[in-house]
Amino acid sequence: MRFQLLGPLSITDGRDVVVLPPSKPTALLAALLIRPGSVVSTDHLRGVVWGEDQPATAKAALQSCVLRLRRIFAKYGIEDQAVTAVAGGYRVRADAGTLDLLHFRQLVDRAAGSGEDSELYTLRAALALWQGPLLANVPSDLLHRDEVPRLAEERLRVLERVGDIELEHGRCREILVDLWEVTRVYPAHERFSEQLMLALYRTGRQTEALAEYRRVKGRLREELGVDPRADLQRLELAILRGDDLGTLDTGRAPVSLAPPALPEPRDASPEGGTTGGERRPA
């Protein structure tokens, strides 16, 4: 069995996916999986589960919540990944074969030491592990405030690197749709707008590249009262001057990028796949 944290919190056997219901045990499990193998303090867990409105008997209530979570584990036959009580808190052990977050990080680390061709496909395999809005079924204001943005930033760094590789290979047309989407979903991430402007310019769409700069500039001034960062300003000037910013995309991929075979995550069981069949609620 495998935990999926990169989306709605769920459990999968590689075929079926069980999406856990929004509940206090689900919030507790999310808090433990975000710090896999580490001791998570009881104070932090109570804050995750109850926030500011902690019950008068918070210690006993947390123990009851842990018991409910253990029953969920027993229901799906994953007692071997039990919640362990330790001094000062609780812990859930996981590895790249049982938790998609660790598999994602493993692939990202592996990609960094490979050649660009292999790096691109390894990073795309890592991105494919993300299955939708992060922790959408986890009812915890604390996790959504403190942990979700940090985890999302890990994905953004990979998206940014994928864009850089595609642009370096001259695959501007191939990356345009992805860049349009990501700049609208993450408007504050100026690097994506910079990549989009470059891709548009290299495909002969200078007017649209400049329009993207004006859109970013207008949003920043309206919302924050600041100008775009220096890199974006320099790119706008280069586009206005018609500078050579790399070979124009002719619609042909200049580099053959054949996907390498990706090894299974370490310590994975034969059933510990990352994608499954039917997704169903618990």
Protein backbone atom coordinates (compact mmCIF):
# COMPACT_ATOMS: atom_id res chain seq x y z
CA MET A 1 0.00 0.00 0.00
CA ARG A 2 1.09 3.51 -0.74
CA PHE A 3 0.15 6.90 0.67
CA GLN A 4 -0.56 9.71 -1.79
CA LEU A 5 0.00 13.13 -0.27
CA LEU A 6 0.49 15.15 -3.47
CA GLY A 7 -3.18 15.88 -4.03
CA PRO A 8 -6.17 14.73 -1.97
CA LEU A 9 -4.77 12.52 0.78
CA SER A 10 -5.39 8.94 -0.32
CA ILE A 11 -4.24 5.33 -0.10
CA THR A 12 -3.60 3.12 -3.12
CA ASP A 13 -2.59 -0.46 -3.79
CA GLY A 14 -1.48 0.43 -7.31
CA ARG A 15 -4.91 -0.27 -8.78
CA ASP A 16 -7.67 1.28 -6.68
CA VAL A 17 -7.33 4.61 -4.92
CA VAL A 18 -9.15 5.33 -1.66
CA VAL A 19 -9.60 9.05 -1.00
CA LEU A 20 -9.85 9.58 2.73
CA PRO A 21 -12.84 11.61 3.97
CA PRO A 22 -12.29 15.06 5.51
CA SER A 23 -11.89 14.24 9.18
CA LYS A 24 -9.65 14.71 12.18
CA PRO A 25 -7.79 11.40 11.58
CA THR A 26 -7.15 12.51 7.98
CA ALA A 27 -5.64 15.78 9.23
CA LEU A 28 -3.55 13.85 11.75
CA LEU A 29 -2.24 11.50 9.06
CA ALA A 30 -1.37 14.41 6.76
CA ALA A 31 0.65 16.08 9.53
CA LEU A 32 2.61 12.87 10.13
CA LEU A 33 3.25 12.15 6.43
CA ILE A 34 4.49 15.66 5.75
CA ARG A 35 7.32 14.83 8.16
CA PRO A 36 7.86 11.14 7.34
CA GLY A 37 9.95 9.24 9.84
CA SER A 38 10.24 12.24 12.13
CA VAL A 39 8.71 12.63 15.55
CA VAL A 40 5.85 15.13 15.32
CA SER A 41 5.13 16.72 18.68
CA THR A 42 1.76 16.34 20.36
CA ASP A 43 1.47 20.13 20.59
CA HIS A 44 1.87 20.47 16.83
CA LEU A 45 -0.58 17.65 16.14
CA ARG A 46 -3.22 19.19 18.39
CA GLY A 47 -2.79 22.47 16.52
CA VAL A 48 -3.19 20.67 13.20
CA VAL A 49 -6.32 18.80 14.25
CA TRP A 50 -8.15 21.40 16.35
CA GLY A 51 -6.45 24.71 15.68
CA GLU A 52 -7.35 27.36 18.23
CA ASP A 53 -10.37 25.42 19.53
CA GLN A 54 -8.62 22.59 21.31
CA PRO A 55 -10.79 20.51 23.66
CA ALA A 56 -10.31 20.75 27.41
CA THR A 57 -9.06 17.15 27.45
CA ALA A 58 -6.74 17.64 24.47
CA LYS A 59 -4.33 14.86 25.44
CA ALA A 60 -7.05 12.23 25.63
CA ALA A 61 -8.71 13.58 22.49
CA LEU A 62 -5.47 13.21 20.52
CA GLN A 63 -5.04 9.65 21.76
CA SER A 64 -8.59 8.90 20.60
CA CYS A 65 -7.82 10.42 17.20
CA VAL A 66 -4.71 8.24 16.88
CA LEU A 67 -6.81 5.18 17.73
CA ARG A 68 -9.29 6.08 14.97
CA LEU A 69 -6.41 6.45 12.51
CA ARG A 70 -5.03 3.05 13.49
CA ARG A 71 -8.46 1.53 12.79
CA ILE A 72 -8.36 3.05 9.30
CA PHE A 73 -4.94 1.46 8.79
CA ALA A 74 -6.30 -1.90 9.95
CA LYS A 75 -9.27 -1.57 7.57
CA TYR A 76 -6.93 -1.33 4.60
CA GLY A 77 -4.36 -3.82 5.83
CA ILE A 78 -1.51 -1.40 6.45
CA GLU A 79 -0.80 -2.08 10.11
CA ASP A 80 2.88 -2.47 9.18
CA GLN A 81 2.97 1.30 8.61
CA ALA A 82 1.45 1.98 12.00
CA VAL A 83 1.39 5.24 13.88
CA THR A 84 4.07 4.86 16.55
CA ALA A 85 3.92 6.65 19.89
CA VAL A 86 7.31 7.98 20.97
CA ALA A 87 8.51 10.37 23.63
CA GLY A 88 6.87 13.74 23.00
CA GLY A 89 4.78 12.78 19.98
CA TYR A 90 4.01 10.32 17.20
CA ARG A 91 5.69 9.09 14.04
CA VAL A 92 4.84 7.30 10.79
CA ARG A 93 7.70 5.63 8.92
CA ALA A 94 7.67 5.88 5.13
CA ASP A 95 10.02 5.62 2.17
CA ALA A 96 9.95 6.32 -1.55
CA GLY A 97 8.01 3.10 -2.10
CA THR A 98 5.22 3.97 0.33
CA LEU A 99 4.88 7.76 0.07
CA ASP A 100 4.61 9.76 -3.15
CA LEU A 101 6.23 12.86 -1.60
CA LEU A 102 9.44 10.90 -0.96
CA HIS A 103 9.26 9.32 -4.42
CA PHE A 104 8.93 12.82 -5.91
CA ARG A 105 11.98 14.04 -4.03
CA GLN A 106 13.92 10.93 -4.99
CA LEU A 107 13.23 11.52 -8.69
CA VAL A 108 14.17 15.20 -8.42
CA ASP A 109 17.47 14.30 -6.74
CA ARG A 110 18.17 11.65 -9.37
CA ALA A 111 17.41 14.09 -12.20
CA ALA A 112 19.96 16.59 -10.92
CA GLY A 113 22.81 14.17 -11.53
CA SER A 114 21.81 13.07 -15.02
CA GLY A 115 22.25 14.54 -18.47
CA GLU A 116 19.67 17.01 -19.73
CA ASP A 117 17.78 14.49 -21.86
CA SER A 118 17.32 12.13 -18.93
CA GLU A 119 16.77 15.01 -16.52
CA LEU A 120 13.76 16.30 -18.46
CA TYR A 121 11.93 12.99 -18.48
CA THR A 122 12.79 12.22 -14.88
CA LEU A 123 11.44 15.59 -13.80
CA ARG A 124 8.28 15.06 -15.83
CA ALA A 125 7.85 11.69 -14.12
CA ALA A 126 8.17 13.48 -10.77
CA LEU A 127 5.54 16.06 -11.77
CA ALA A 128 3.17 13.28 -12.83
CA LEU A 129 2.94 12.20 -9.18
CA TRP A 130 0.93 15.34 -8.38
CA GLN A 131 -2.74 14.41 -8.51
CA GLY A 132 -4.65 17.65 -7.97
CA PRO A 133 -5.16 20.32 -5.30
CA LEU A 134 -2.77 19.63 -2.45
CA LEU A 135 -4.48 18.16 0.64
CA ALA A 136 -7.89 19.18 -0.70
CA ASN A 137 -9.63 16.77 1.71
CA VAL A 138 -7.59 17.71 4.79
CA PRO A 139 -9.48 20.01 7.19
CA SER A 140 -6.59 21.85 8.83
CA ASP A 141 -6.06 25.61 8.63
CA LEU A 142 -2.56 25.22 10.06
CA LEU A 143 -1.41 22.78 7.36
CA HIS A 144 -2.91 24.85 4.55
CA ARG A 145 -1.29 27.99 5.91
CA ASP A 146 2.17 26.65 6.77
CA GLU A 147 2.81 23.42 4.88
CA VAL A 148 0.88 23.54 1.60
CA PRO A 149 2.76 26.62 0.26
CA ARG A 150 6.10 25.03 1.14
CA LEU A 151 5.25 21.79 -0.63
CA ALA A 152 3.84 23.67 -3.63
CA GLU A 153 7.13 25.53 -3.94
CA GLU A 154 8.94 22.23 -4.45
CA ARG A 155 6.72 21.59 -7.48
CA LEU A 156 7.22 25.12 -8.80
CA ARG A 157 11.00 24.69 -8.77
CA VAL A 158 10.65 21.55 -10.87
CA LEU A 159 8.23 23.24 -13.28
CA GLU A 160 10.71 26.09 -13.65
CA ARG A 161 13.58 23.71 -14.42
CA VAL A 162 11.47 21.82 -16.98
CA GLY A 163 10.71 25.12 -18.69
CA ASP A 164 14.40 26.04 -18.76
CA ILE A 165 15.37 22.71 -20.33
CA GLU A 166 12.65 22.93 -22.99
CA LEU A 167 13.70 26.48 -23.87
CA GLU A 168 17.38 25.52 -23.96
CA HIS A 169 16.51 22.81 -26.49
CA GLY A 170 14.50 25.27 -28.59
CA ARG A 171 11.21 23.48 -27.89
CA CYS A 172 9.31 26.74 -27.48
CA ARG A 173 6.10 25.71 -29.21
CA GLU A 174 5.89 22.53 -27.14
CA ILE A 175 6.15 24.41 -23.85
CA LEU A 176 3.84 27.35 -24.68
CA VAL A 177 0.61 25.75 -23.46
CA ASP A 178 2.21 24.71 -20.16
CA LEU A 179 3.61 28.20 -19.65
CA TRP A 180 0.28 29.88 -20.43
CA GLU A 181 -1.35 27.72 -17.78
CA VAL A 182 1.28 28.05 -15.08
CA THR A 183 1.53 31.85 -15.39
CA ARG A 184 -2.21 32.12 -14.79
CA VAL A 185 -2.26 29.68 -11.89
CA TYR A 186 0.84 31.25 -10.24
CA PRO A 187 0.75 34.91 -11.29
CA ALA A 188 3.19 35.96 -8.56
CA HIS A 189 5.93 33.66 -9.89
CA GLU A 190 7.65 36.06 -12.29
CA ARG A 191 10.12 33.48 -13.62
CA PHE A 192 7.26 31.70 -15.41
CA SER A 193 6.23 34.95 -17.09
CA GLU A 194 9.83 35.46 -18.16
CA GLN A 195 9.89 31.98 -19.71
CA LEU A 196 6.57 32.62 -21.46
CA MET A 197 7.80 35.91 -22.91
CA LEU A 198 10.93 34.22 -24.23
CA ALA A 199 8.97 31.34 -25.76
CA LEU A 200 6.55 33.75 -27.44
CA TYR A 201 9.38 35.89 -28.80
CA ARG A 202 11.28 32.90 -30.16
CA THR A 203 8.16 31.74 -32.00
CA GLY A 204 7.81 35.12 -33.71
CA ARG A 205 5.09 36.48 -31.41
CA GLN A 206 6.81 39.65 -30.25
CA THR A 207 3.55 41.57 -29.71
CA GLU A 208 2.17 38.87 -27.42
CA ALA A 209 5.47 38.69 -25.49
CA LEU A 210 5.28 42.43 -24.81
CA ALA A 211 1.60 42.12 -23.86
CA GLU A 212 2.57 39.52 -21.27
CA TYR A 213 5.08 41.94 -19.79
CA ARG A 214 2.42 44.67 -19.58
CA ARG A 215 0.04 42.25 -17.89
CA VAL A 216 2.61 41.33 -15.24
CA LYS A 217 3.63 44.94 -14.73
CA GLY A 218 0.03 46.07 -14.32
CA ARG A 219 -0.76 43.37 -11.80
CA LEU A 220 2.33 44.07 -9.72
CA ARG A 221 1.70 47.79 -9.62
CA GLU A 222 -1.98 47.36 -8.79
CA GLU A 223 -1.56 44.71 -6.10
CA LEU A 224 1.87 45.47 -4.61
CA GLY A 225 2.90 48.90 -5.90
CA VAL A 226 6.16 47.55 -7.35
CA ASP A 227 7.69 47.03 -10.78
CA PRO A 228 8.66 43.68 -12.31
CA ARG A 229 12.02 42.32 -11.25
CA ALA A 230 15.15 43.39 -13.11
CA ASP A 231 15.38 40.22 -15.25
CA LEU A 232 11.90 40.82 -16.65
CA GLN A 233 12.66 44.46 -17.36
CA ARG A 234 15.84 43.56 -19.23
CA LEU A 235 13.97 40.95 -21.25
CA GLU A 236 11.34 43.50 -22.24
CA LEU A 237 14.03 45.91 -23.47
CA ALA A 238 15.74 43.13 -25.43
CA ILE A 239 12.45 42.23 -27.10
CA LEU A 240 11.74 45.87 -27.92
CA ARG A 241 15.17 46.14 -29.53
CA GLY A 242 14.67 42.91 -31.43
CA ASP A 243 17.78 41.35 -29.91
CA ASP A 244 18.86 37.83 -30.76
CA LEU A 245 17.59 35.81 -27.79
CA GLY A 246 18.26 32.38 -29.22
CA THR A 247 17.34 30.52 -32.36
CA LEU A 248 13.77 31.10 -33.47
CA ASP A 249 11.59 28.03 -33.09
CA THR A 250 10.78 26.60 -36.50
CA GLY A 251 8.36 24.02 -35.17
CA ARG A 252 10.92 21.22 -35.32
CA ALA A 253 12.41 19.84 -32.14
CA PRO A 254 16.18 20.36 -32.46
CA VAL A 255 17.03 17.59 -30.04
CA SER A 256 15.72 14.06 -29.93
CA LEU A 257 14.55 13.43 -26.39
CA ALA A 258 13.85 9.73 -25.95
CA PRO A 259 12.55 8.96 -22.45
CA PRO A 260 14.87 6.70 -20.46
CA ALA A 261 13.58 3.82 -18.40
CA LEU A 262 12.90 5.03 -14.88
CA PRO A 263 13.75 2.61 -12.07
CA GLU A 264 11.17 1.79 -9.43
CA PRO A 265 11.41 3.77 -6.19
CA ARG A 266 13.72 2.18 -3.68
CA ASP A 267 12.11 -0.07 -1.08
CA ALA A 268 8.91 -0.25 -3.09
CA SER A 269 6.82 -3.37 -2.78
CA PRO A 270 5.62 -5.06 -5.99
CA GLU A 271 2.21 -3.48 -5.41
CA GLY A 272 3.48 -0.03 -4.52
CA GLY A 273 2.71 1.76 -7.78
CA THR A 274 2.13 5.46 -8.02
CA THR A 275 -0.85 5.36 -10.32
CA GLY A 276 -3.89 3.26 -9.91
CA GLY A 277 -7.23 2.44 -11.31
CA GLU A 278 -10.52 3.52 -9.95
CA ARG A 279 -10.47 6.39 -7.45
CA ARG A 280 -13.08 5.94 -4.78
CA PRO A 281 -13.88 7.54 -1.44
CA ALA A 282 -13.18 5.76 1.82
